[in-house]
Amino acid sequence: MKIYHYTNLESLAMILKNRTIRFNRLDKVDDLEEGSAESLGIRFCRYVFVSCWTENSEESIPLWKMYGGDSGGIRISMEQEMFQEYFISDLDFGGLKSQGSIITKIPPQSLTHPDFWILPILDYNDLFYRHIKYVDDVFQYTKDCIQITNIKDGRGDMNMQLKPFGYYKNKRWEFQDETRFVLYILPCNPMLEGTNPEVSSIVIQSLLGNKLLPFTYYDMCLKDDVLNKIEITLSPSASEAEKIIAQSLIDKYAPNAQISNSTLGKVVRLK
């Protein structure tokens, strides 16, 4: 299935050169409401990273304007199952080795990093790829997602519903018809704690303290052959110079890519 992402020439250059897709932290996106959603005082949006797309193949004037800009905009189309996969067996978590093997879209160095831990992505289920739900009040769907019970001596049991964060947006954004990829990244690595009985407390204190991650974006690697099938649509207001730049990027990094003019080029002026 093809999905579509509106962006600019600078982002296209980085996607093609690095063969990656950037996930931005949820509190850095343009929707301030979902970017400030919290539960139990925990700004969990700081631990949610998203890459925003749409399945609607019809060109959108608002999306061109908002994300392509007045000039230099492009729309890319790629297969939904675009990300590199890693076969991981017997990971070493600081002396404690995992048992068995998995195929995940998160590289081993990100699963064993001492400063963060990314929830392993095994397939394209709705925890990783989802259609946005548009609602009247985002906070109503996130406020009770994190609960701590059996509290004693500063410790307790934490229950978390991850999915509501990065899943709901206010109905005012419904025009976007958005789908997105979502990553959940904790500001500590519980796997490195092994059998430490304090591991639950470590995670709880990290979240209650709204501990910051050491980055505000995360780049996921694309499959080796995915750029051979990428389709690039130029902005309705693309200049000749911008067309030359886009073609030059394709020639250098993705010679098999398809490039086309916007179907709106003769009916819409974005500038």
Protein backbone atom coordinates (compact mmCIF):
# COMPACT_ATOMS: atom_id res chain seq x y z
CA MET A 1 0.00 0.00 0.00
CA LYS A 2 1.28 3.45 -0.94
CA ILE A 3 1.27 6.25 1.63
CA TYR A 4 2.06 9.95 1.15
CA HIS A 5 4.14 12.56 2.99
CA TYR A 6 4.27 16.31 2.23
CA THR A 7 7.56 18.03 2.94
CA ASN A 8 10.26 20.21 1.33
CA LEU A 9 13.33 19.76 -0.84
CA GLU A 10 15.69 19.95 2.14
CA SER A 11 13.96 17.02 3.83
CA LEU A 12 13.90 15.10 0.56
CA ALA A 13 17.67 15.54 0.28
CA MET A 14 18.22 14.10 3.77
CA ILE A 15 15.83 11.18 3.17
CA LEU A 16 17.58 10.23 -0.05
CA LYS A 17 21.14 10.78 1.18
CA ASN A 18 20.77 9.11 4.58
CA ARG A 19 18.10 6.57 3.57
CA THR A 20 16.17 7.35 6.73
CA ILE A 21 12.80 8.74 7.84
CA ARG A 22 12.82 11.21 10.73
CA PHE A 23 10.50 10.77 13.70
CA ASN A 24 9.87 14.00 15.63
CA ARG A 25 9.03 14.23 19.30
CA LEU A 26 5.31 14.69 19.86
CA ASP A 27 5.72 17.91 21.86
CA LYS A 28 7.59 19.42 18.88
CA VAL A 29 4.80 18.94 16.31
CA ASP A 30 2.46 21.70 15.15
CA ASP A 31 -0.54 20.45 17.15
CA LEU A 32 0.08 22.04 20.54
CA GLU A 33 -2.82 20.19 22.15
CA GLU A 34 -1.57 16.66 21.50
CA GLY A 35 1.96 17.90 22.19
CA SER A 36 0.99 18.86 25.75
CA ALA A 37 -1.10 15.78 26.60
CA GLU A 38 -0.15 14.27 29.95
CA SER A 39 -1.24 11.83 32.60
CA LEU A 40 -0.51 11.88 36.32
CA GLY A 41 1.67 14.95 35.71
CA ILE A 42 3.86 12.96 33.34
CA ARG A 43 4.47 14.74 30.02
CA PHE A 44 4.49 11.45 28.19
CA CYS A 45 4.40 13.23 24.83
CA ARG A 46 8.16 13.72 25.41
CA TYR A 47 8.58 9.98 24.96
CA VAL A 48 6.47 9.65 21.81
CA PHE A 49 8.01 10.13 18.35
CA VAL A 50 5.97 10.31 15.16
CA SER A 51 6.29 10.40 11.39
CA CYS A 52 3.12 11.75 9.77
CA TRP A 53 1.59 10.52 6.49
CA THR A 54 -1.75 10.09 4.73
CA GLU A 55 -3.23 7.26 2.70
CA ASN A 56 -5.20 9.72 0.56
CA SER A 57 -3.70 9.70 -2.94
CA GLU A 58 -5.59 12.86 -3.94
CA GLU A 59 -3.40 15.93 -3.55
CA SER A 60 -4.37 18.15 -0.62
CA ILE A 61 -4.12 21.93 -0.96
CA PRO A 62 -3.94 22.47 2.85
CA LEU A 63 -1.16 19.87 3.21
CA TRP A 64 0.77 21.40 0.34
CA LYS A 65 0.48 24.81 1.98
CA MET A 66 1.28 23.69 5.54
CA TYR A 67 4.14 21.28 4.89
CA GLY A 68 5.34 21.96 1.37
CA GLY A 69 5.43 25.70 1.86
CA ASP A 70 4.92 28.38 -0.77
CA SER A 71 7.80 26.99 -2.81
CA GLY A 72 10.21 24.06 -2.82
CA GLY A 73 7.58 21.61 -1.64
CA ILE A 74 7.38 17.98 -2.65
CA ARG A 75 5.18 15.00 -1.86
CA ILE A 76 6.79 11.62 -1.52
CA SER A 77 5.01 8.30 -1.85
CA MET A 78 6.43 5.03 -0.58
CA GLU A 79 5.23 1.60 0.38
CA GLN A 80 3.91 1.47 3.94
CA GLU A 81 6.27 -1.36 4.89
CA MET A 82 9.35 0.74 4.22
CA PHE A 83 11.61 0.22 7.24
CA GLN A 84 14.74 -1.86 7.59
CA GLU A 85 14.48 -5.05 9.64
CA TYR A 86 17.07 -6.55 11.97
CA PHE A 87 17.40 -10.15 13.00
CA ILE A 88 18.47 -10.02 16.64
CA SER A 89 19.57 -13.00 18.68
CA ASP A 90 20.89 -13.24 22.26
CA LEU A 91 21.26 -9.53 22.96
CA ASP A 92 23.70 -8.65 25.72
CA PHE A 93 22.11 -6.31 28.28
CA GLY A 94 25.15 -5.57 30.38
CA GLY A 95 25.96 -9.20 31.11
CA LEU A 96 22.37 -10.44 31.04
CA LYS A 97 21.62 -12.07 27.70
CA SER A 98 18.21 -12.33 26.14
CA GLN A 99 16.91 -15.70 25.10
CA GLY A 100 15.85 -16.56 21.55
CA SER A 101 15.62 -14.20 18.60
CA ILE A 102 13.33 -11.56 17.13
CA ILE A 103 12.99 -9.62 13.89
CA THR A 104 12.55 -5.95 14.74
CA LYS A 105 12.72 -2.58 13.04
CA ILE A 106 14.84 -1.15 15.86
CA PRO A 107 18.61 -1.78 15.58
CA PRO A 108 20.32 -3.61 18.47
CA GLN A 109 22.36 -0.56 19.52
CA SER A 110 19.12 1.31 20.27
CA LEU A 111 17.74 -1.59 22.32
CA THR A 112 20.81 -1.78 24.54
CA HIS A 113 21.64 1.93 24.91
CA PRO A 114 22.15 2.95 28.56
CA ASP A 115 20.25 6.26 28.29
CA PHE A 116 17.03 5.15 26.61
CA TRP A 117 15.00 2.15 25.48
CA ILE A 118 12.79 1.94 22.39
CA LEU A 119 9.82 -0.36 22.45
CA PRO A 120 10.78 -3.01 19.85
CA ILE A 121 8.71 -2.82 16.67
CA LEU A 122 7.98 -6.29 15.35
CA ASP A 123 5.32 -5.56 12.72
CA TYR A 124 3.03 -2.86 11.35
CA ASN A 125 0.29 -3.25 13.94
CA ASP A 126 -1.71 -0.26 15.19
CA LEU A 127 0.74 0.47 17.99
CA PHE A 128 3.35 1.38 15.34
CA TYR A 129 1.17 2.45 12.40
CA ARG A 130 -2.29 3.89 12.95
CA HIS A 131 -5.07 6.05 11.56
CA ILE A 132 -5.51 9.13 13.71
CA LYS A 133 -8.76 9.36 15.67
CA TYR A 134 -10.28 12.85 15.70
CA VAL A 135 -12.07 13.82 18.92
CA ASP A 136 -13.45 16.86 20.78
CA ASP A 137 -10.99 16.71 23.70
CA VAL A 138 -7.64 14.93 23.46
CA PHE A 139 -6.93 15.21 27.19
CA GLN A 140 -9.97 13.07 28.04
CA TYR A 141 -8.31 10.16 26.25
CA THR A 142 -4.87 10.52 27.83
CA LYS A 143 -5.43 11.76 31.39
CA ASP A 144 -5.90 8.28 32.91
CA CYS A 145 -3.41 6.37 30.77
CA ILE A 146 -0.79 6.17 33.51
CA GLN A 147 -1.69 4.88 36.95
CA ILE A 148 0.43 4.01 39.98
CA THR A 149 -0.98 1.62 42.56
CA ASN A 150 0.22 -0.12 45.73
CA ILE A 151 2.30 2.92 46.66
CA LYS A 152 4.58 2.35 49.66
CA ASP A 153 7.90 3.90 50.68
CA GLY A 154 8.15 5.79 47.39
CA ARG A 155 7.52 2.67 45.33
CA GLY A 156 4.53 1.29 43.51
CA ASP A 157 3.21 -0.55 40.49
CA MET A 158 2.84 1.44 37.29
CA ASN A 159 0.32 0.60 34.60
CA MET A 160 0.63 2.41 31.29
CA GLN A 161 -1.58 2.55 28.22
CA LEU A 162 0.78 3.69 25.49
CA LYS A 163 -1.50 3.77 22.49
CA PRO A 164 -3.61 6.87 23.34
CA PHE A 165 -0.51 9.09 23.15
CA GLY A 166 -0.04 9.97 19.50
CA TYR A 167 -3.39 8.43 18.60
CA TYR A 168 -5.94 11.23 19.19
CA LYS A 169 -6.13 14.70 17.68
CA ASN A 170 -8.77 17.41 17.92
CA LYS A 171 -11.42 17.41 15.19
CA ARG A 172 -10.07 20.72 13.91
CA TRP A 173 -7.27 18.67 12.30
CA GLU A 174 -9.61 16.24 10.58
CA PHE A 175 -8.82 17.70 7.16
CA GLN A 176 -5.38 16.07 7.36
CA ASP A 177 -6.81 12.53 7.08
CA GLU A 178 -3.62 11.48 8.83
CA THR A 179 -1.93 8.17 9.39
CA ARG A 180 1.34 7.97 11.26
CA PHE A 181 4.15 5.79 12.50
CA VAL A 182 4.75 5.99 16.25
CA LEU A 183 7.71 5.11 18.47
CA TYR A 184 7.65 4.96 22.28
CA ILE A 185 11.02 5.67 23.90
CA LEU A 186 11.64 5.50 27.66
CA PRO A 187 14.28 7.81 29.24
CA CYS A 188 16.02 4.83 30.85
CA ASN A 189 16.71 1.26 29.85
CA PRO A 190 14.92 -1.20 32.16
CA MET A 191 16.44 -4.11 30.25
CA LEU A 192 19.91 -3.19 31.50
CA GLU A 193 18.71 -3.52 35.09
CA GLY A 194 18.40 -7.26 34.69
CA THR A 195 16.86 -8.81 37.77
CA ASN A 196 17.22 -5.63 39.84
CA PRO A 197 14.14 -5.56 42.13
CA GLU A 198 14.24 -1.74 41.95
CA VAL A 199 13.71 -1.65 38.17
CA SER A 200 10.05 -0.66 38.48
CA SER A 201 10.97 2.20 40.81
CA ILE A 202 13.70 3.38 38.41
CA VAL A 203 11.22 3.60 35.53
CA ILE A 204 8.56 5.28 37.68
CA GLN A 205 10.96 7.91 39.04
CA SER A 206 12.29 8.65 35.55
CA LEU A 207 8.79 9.29 34.26
CA LEU A 208 7.46 11.15 37.32
CA GLY A 209 10.52 13.39 37.09
CA ASN A 210 9.82 13.97 33.40
CA LYS A 211 13.41 13.03 32.66
CA LEU A 212 14.46 14.26 29.25
CA LEU A 213 15.76 12.03 26.51
CA PRO A 214 19.15 12.95 25.01
CA PHE A 215 17.54 13.79 21.62
CA THR A 216 14.41 15.38 20.13
CA TYR A 217 14.16 13.21 17.01
CA TYR A 218 14.98 9.69 15.93
CA ASP A 219 15.85 8.51 12.41
CA MET A 220 14.68 5.08 11.25
CA CYS A 221 16.52 3.33 8.43
CA LEU A 222 14.75 2.43 5.21
CA LYS A 223 14.95 -0.93 3.47
CA ASP A 224 17.75 -1.21 0.95
CA ASP A 225 15.48 -1.21 -2.10
CA VAL A 226 12.68 1.12 -0.98
CA LEU A 227 14.07 4.21 -2.73
CA ASN A 228 13.91 2.37 -6.05
CA LYS A 229 10.13 2.63 -5.79
CA ILE A 230 9.77 6.11 -4.33
CA GLU A 231 7.45 8.48 -6.17
CA ILE A 232 8.01 12.24 -5.94
CA THR A 233 5.43 14.86 -6.85
CA LEU A 234 6.56 18.46 -7.28
CA SER A 235 4.71 21.35 -5.68
CA PRO A 236 1.95 23.02 -7.74
CA SER A 237 4.11 26.17 -7.59
CA ALA A 238 7.45 24.49 -8.34
CA SER A 239 9.89 26.72 -10.19
CA GLU A 240 12.21 25.49 -12.91
CA ALA A 241 15.14 25.76 -10.49
CA GLU A 242 13.32 23.58 -7.92
CA LYS A 243 12.55 21.00 -10.59
CA ILE A 244 16.24 20.89 -11.50
CA ILE A 245 17.24 20.46 -7.83
CA ALA A 246 14.73 17.64 -7.32
CA GLN A 247 15.86 15.86 -10.47
CA SER A 248 19.51 16.22 -9.46
CA LEU A 249 18.80 14.62 -6.07
CA ILE A 250 17.03 11.74 -7.75
CA ASP A 251 19.79 11.24 -10.30
CA LYS A 252 22.37 11.04 -7.53
CA TYR A 253 20.61 9.04 -4.84
CA ALA A 254 17.57 7.28 -6.37
CA PRO A 255 17.93 6.98 -10.16
CA ASN A 256 14.95 4.62 -10.42
CA ALA A 257 12.58 6.99 -8.62
CA GLN A 258 9.60 8.49 -10.42
CA ILE A 259 9.10 12.25 -10.49
CA SER A 260 6.00 14.05 -11.70
CA ASN A 261 4.36 17.46 -11.73
CA SER A 262 1.41 18.23 -9.47
CA THR A 263 -2.06 17.67 -10.89
CA LEU A 264 -2.93 21.02 -9.30
CA GLY A 265 -0.23 22.96 -11.11
CA LYS A 266 -2.63 24.67 -13.53
CA VAL A 267 -5.40 25.39 -11.07
CA VAL A 268 -3.73 26.42 -7.77
CA ARG A 269 -1.22 29.14 -6.88
CA LEU A 270 0.28 28.49 -3.44
CA LYS A 271 2.35 31.66 -3.26
